C-alpha cells in the first residue's frame, strides 16, 4: 500500500491533465462522467480551462482549442494559464479520448482520498486537543457516497450464477 499525505494527493498530476485534454479535444466526453467537475481539479490552470469549456458548452458554442483560447483571452486568463503554447502542449500530450471515463474517475478518487485524509488529520488533531469524541465522529461522516464503498458487493459463485438468470 502506498502512503500518500494530503499534500501529495492534492498535487495536480498527469491524470488531471489527461482528463482536461480529453475534454478540450471532445467536450462531449463529459457526458460519460457527469459528476466530474471543476472542483475535482487541483490545478488552477485546469480549473480555468474547464471553466471555459463549461461556458462554451452551456452557450451551445463549439469547444476546441481555438474557442477555449479565445474564451480564456476574453476573460483575461489566457496569459495566466501559460497562453496558447500551454494549450498546444496540452493537446500534444493528449491521451486516448476513449479513456476519459477512466481518467476522470481517477481524478475524482484522488480528490475524495485527499478530502478523507484531511478530515482524518483534523480528527486526529481534535482528539489530541481533547475535543468531544461524539462531535469528532459526527464530523467524520464518511457516507457510502463519499467513499464509494457501497458500489461493491461480494457474492459467491452460486449467487452470481443465480443472479444472471433472474428475470
Foldseek 3Di string as FASTA:
>chain_A
DDDDALVRLLDADPLLLQLLLLCLAPVCLCVVPVVQDLVLHNDVLSSLLRVLSVVCVVVVHDHHLVSSLVSCVVVVNQVVSPHSVVNVVSNVPHDDSVCSVVSSVVSNQSSLVSVLNVLVVVLVVCVVVVHDPVVSVVSNPCDCVSVVPVVDDDDDPVVVVVVVPDD
